[in-house]
């Protein structure tokens, strides 16, 4: 089965450098990461805007460690693939 990807990358900030990678993960990758997060008891991400004391849950923001104990093989592989995108 051949599939196509609508992968896009958009810069959202220069300081700090921040990008949005859309359609970078397969549904299977996403499921694996969510299962790993559940197994390691990760909490729901929250964001807070400067000057606003309320937080937003389910903001589609996440942080995953790229190394160290308990790092998923998939996350390590994705970090390498992402680095290669920015270096080419």
C-alpha atoms as a PDB file:
ATOM      1  CA  UNK A   1       0.000   0.000   0.000  1.00  0.00           C
ATOM      2  CA  UNK A   2       1.441   3.341  -1.004  1.00  0.00           C
ATOM      3  CA  UNK A   3       0.600   6.379   1.079  1.00  0.00           C
ATOM      4  CA  UNK A   4       1.325  10.036   0.603  1.00  0.00           C
ATOM      5  CA  UNK A   5       2.060  12.598   3.272  1.00  0.00           C
ATOM      6  CA  UNK A   6       1.026  16.230   3.406  1.00  0.00           C
ATOM      7  CA  UNK A   7       3.960  17.071   5.683  1.00  0.00           C
ATOM      8  CA  UNK A   8       4.441  20.786   6.272  1.00  0.00           C
ATOM      9  CA  UNK A   9       6.728  22.787   8.498  1.00  0.00           C
ATOM     10  CA  UNK A  10       6.003  26.322   9.692  1.00  0.00           C
ATOM     11  CA  UNK A  11       8.142  28.649  11.776  1.00  0.00           C
ATOM     12  CA  UNK A  12       6.136  30.163  14.603  1.00  0.00           C
ATOM     13  CA  UNK A  13       8.916  31.960  16.472  1.00  0.00           C
ATOM     14  CA  UNK A  14      12.454  33.184  15.964  1.00  0.00           C
ATOM     15  CA  UNK A  15      13.245  33.717  19.652  1.00  0.00           C
ATOM     16  CA  UNK A  16      13.195  31.000  20.688  1.00  0.00           C
ATOM     17  CA  UNK A  17      13.297  29.025  17.449  1.00  0.00           C
ATOM     18  CA  UNK A  18      10.006  27.135  17.277  1.00  0.00           C
ATOM     19  CA  UNK A  19       8.345  25.257  14.460  1.00  0.00           C
ATOM     20  CA  UNK A  20       5.119  23.358  13.867  1.00  0.00           C
ATOM     21  CA  UNK A  21       5.538  20.057  12.045  1.00  0.00           C
ATOM     22  CA  UNK A  22       2.188  18.967  10.641  1.00  0.00           C
ATOM     23  CA  UNK A  23       1.584  15.399   9.464  1.00  0.00           C
ATOM     24  CA  UNK A  24       5.090  14.395  10.587  1.00  0.00           C
ATOM     25  CA  UNK A  25       3.949  11.402  12.639  1.00  0.00           C
ATOM     26  CA  UNK A  26       1.983   8.459  11.395  1.00  0.00           C
ATOM     27  CA  UNK A  27      -1.140   7.515  13.359  1.00  0.00           C
ATOM     28  CA  UNK A  28       0.803   4.485  14.607  1.00  0.00           C
ATOM     29  CA  UNK A  29       3.656   6.720  15.848  1.00  0.00           C
ATOM     30  CA  UNK A  30       1.159   8.915  17.679  1.00  0.00           C
ATOM     31  CA  UNK A  31      -0.470   5.900  19.313  1.00  0.00           C
ATOM     32  CA  UNK A  32       2.901   4.534  20.444  1.00  0.00           C
ATOM     33  CA  UNK A  33       3.901   7.879  21.974  1.00  0.00           C
ATOM     34  CA  UNK A  34       0.548   8.215  23.760  1.00  0.00           C
ATOM     35  CA  UNK A  35       0.887   4.676  25.138  1.00  0.00           C
ATOM     36  CA  UNK A  36       4.435   5.431  26.325  1.00  0.00           C
ATOM     37  CA  UNK A  37       3.193   8.635  27.981  1.00  0.00           C
ATOM     38  CA  UNK A  38       0.410   6.769  29.769  1.00  0.00           C
ATOM     39  CA  UNK A  39       2.817   4.071  30.938  1.00  0.00           C
ATOM     40  CA  UNK A  40       5.213   6.696  32.346  1.00  0.00           C
ATOM     41  CA  UNK A  41       2.377   8.617  34.078  1.00  0.00           C
ATOM     42  CA  UNK A  42       2.819  11.866  32.123  1.00  0.00           C
ATOM     43  CA  UNK A  43       0.366  14.661  32.914  1.00  0.00           C
ATOM     44  CA  UNK A  44      -1.755  16.720  30.530  1.00  0.00           C
ATOM     45  CA  UNK A  45       0.176  19.721  29.203  1.00  0.00           C
ATOM     46  CA  UNK A  46      -0.867  23.205  30.260  1.00  0.00           C
ATOM     47  CA  UNK A  47       0.155  26.542  28.805  1.00  0.00           C
ATOM     48  CA  UNK A  48       0.037  29.881  30.550  1.00  0.00           C
ATOM     49  CA  UNK A  49       0.060  33.251  28.800  1.00  0.00           C
ATOM     50  CA  UNK A  50       2.112  36.054  30.324  1.00  0.00           C
ATOM     51  CA  UNK A  51      -0.133  38.302  32.393  1.00  0.00           C
ATOM     52  CA  UNK A  52      -2.900  35.672  32.472  1.00  0.00           C
ATOM     53  CA  UNK A  53      -3.154  33.499  35.569  1.00  0.00           C
ATOM     54  CA  UNK A  54      -5.377  30.876  33.953  1.00  0.00           C
ATOM     55  CA  UNK A  55      -3.969  27.841  32.237  1.00  0.00           C
ATOM     56  CA  UNK A  56      -5.193  26.057  29.135  1.00  0.00           C
ATOM     57  CA  UNK A  57      -5.327  22.285  29.127  1.00  0.00           C
ATOM     58  CA  UNK A  58      -5.444  20.157  25.998  1.00  0.00           C
ATOM     59  CA  UNK A  59      -3.473  22.835  24.146  1.00  0.00           C
ATOM     60  CA  UNK A  60      -1.786  20.373  21.760  1.00  0.00           C
ATOM     61  CA  UNK A  61       1.611  21.240  23.222  1.00  0.00           C
ATOM     62  CA  UNK A  62       3.913  18.485  24.360  1.00  0.00           C
ATOM     63  CA  UNK A  63       7.444  17.963  25.525  1.00  0.00           C
ATOM     64  CA  UNK A  64       9.248  14.657  25.296  1.00  0.00           C
ATOM     65  CA  UNK A  65      12.727  13.985  26.641  1.00  0.00           C
ATOM     66  CA  UNK A  66      15.193  13.162  23.871  1.00  0.00           C
ATOM     67  CA  UNK A  67      17.454  11.065  26.046  1.00  0.00           C
ATOM     68  CA  UNK A  68      17.995   9.567  29.434  1.00  0.00           C
ATOM     69  CA  UNK A  69      16.363   6.732  31.339  1.00  0.00           C
ATOM     70  CA  UNK A  70      13.018   5.646  29.995  1.00  0.00           C
ATOM     71  CA  UNK A  71      13.333   7.434  26.655  1.00  0.00           C
ATOM     72  CA  UNK A  72      11.295   5.676  24.012  1.00  0.00           C
ATOM     73  CA  UNK A  73      13.152   4.226  21.011  1.00  0.00           C
ATOM     74  CA  UNK A  74      10.532   5.920  18.828  1.00  0.00           C
ATOM     75  CA  UNK A  75      11.096   9.341  20.381  1.00  0.00           C
ATOM     76  CA  UNK A  76      14.867   8.985  19.947  1.00  0.00           C
ATOM     77  CA  UNK A  77      14.365   8.013  16.308  1.00  0.00           C
ATOM     78  CA  UNK A  78      11.974  10.916  15.695  1.00  0.00           C
ATOM     79  CA  UNK A  79      14.414  13.373  17.311  1.00  0.00           C
ATOM     80  CA  UNK A  80      17.130  12.208  14.917  1.00  0.00           C
ATOM     81  CA  UNK A  81      14.799  12.470  11.913  1.00  0.00           C
ATOM     82  CA  UNK A  82      13.744  15.978  12.968  1.00  0.00           C
ATOM     83  CA  UNK A  83      17.361  17.086  13.416  1.00  0.00           C
ATOM     84  CA  UNK A  84      18.156  15.778   9.947  1.00  0.00           C
ATOM     85  CA  UNK A  85      15.284  17.850   8.513  1.00  0.00           C
ATOM     86  CA  UNK A  86      16.753  21.029   9.935  1.00  0.00           C
ATOM     87  CA  UNK A  87      20.315  20.193   8.930  1.00  0.00           C
ATOM     88  CA  UNK A  88      19.587  19.494   5.273  1.00  0.00           C
END
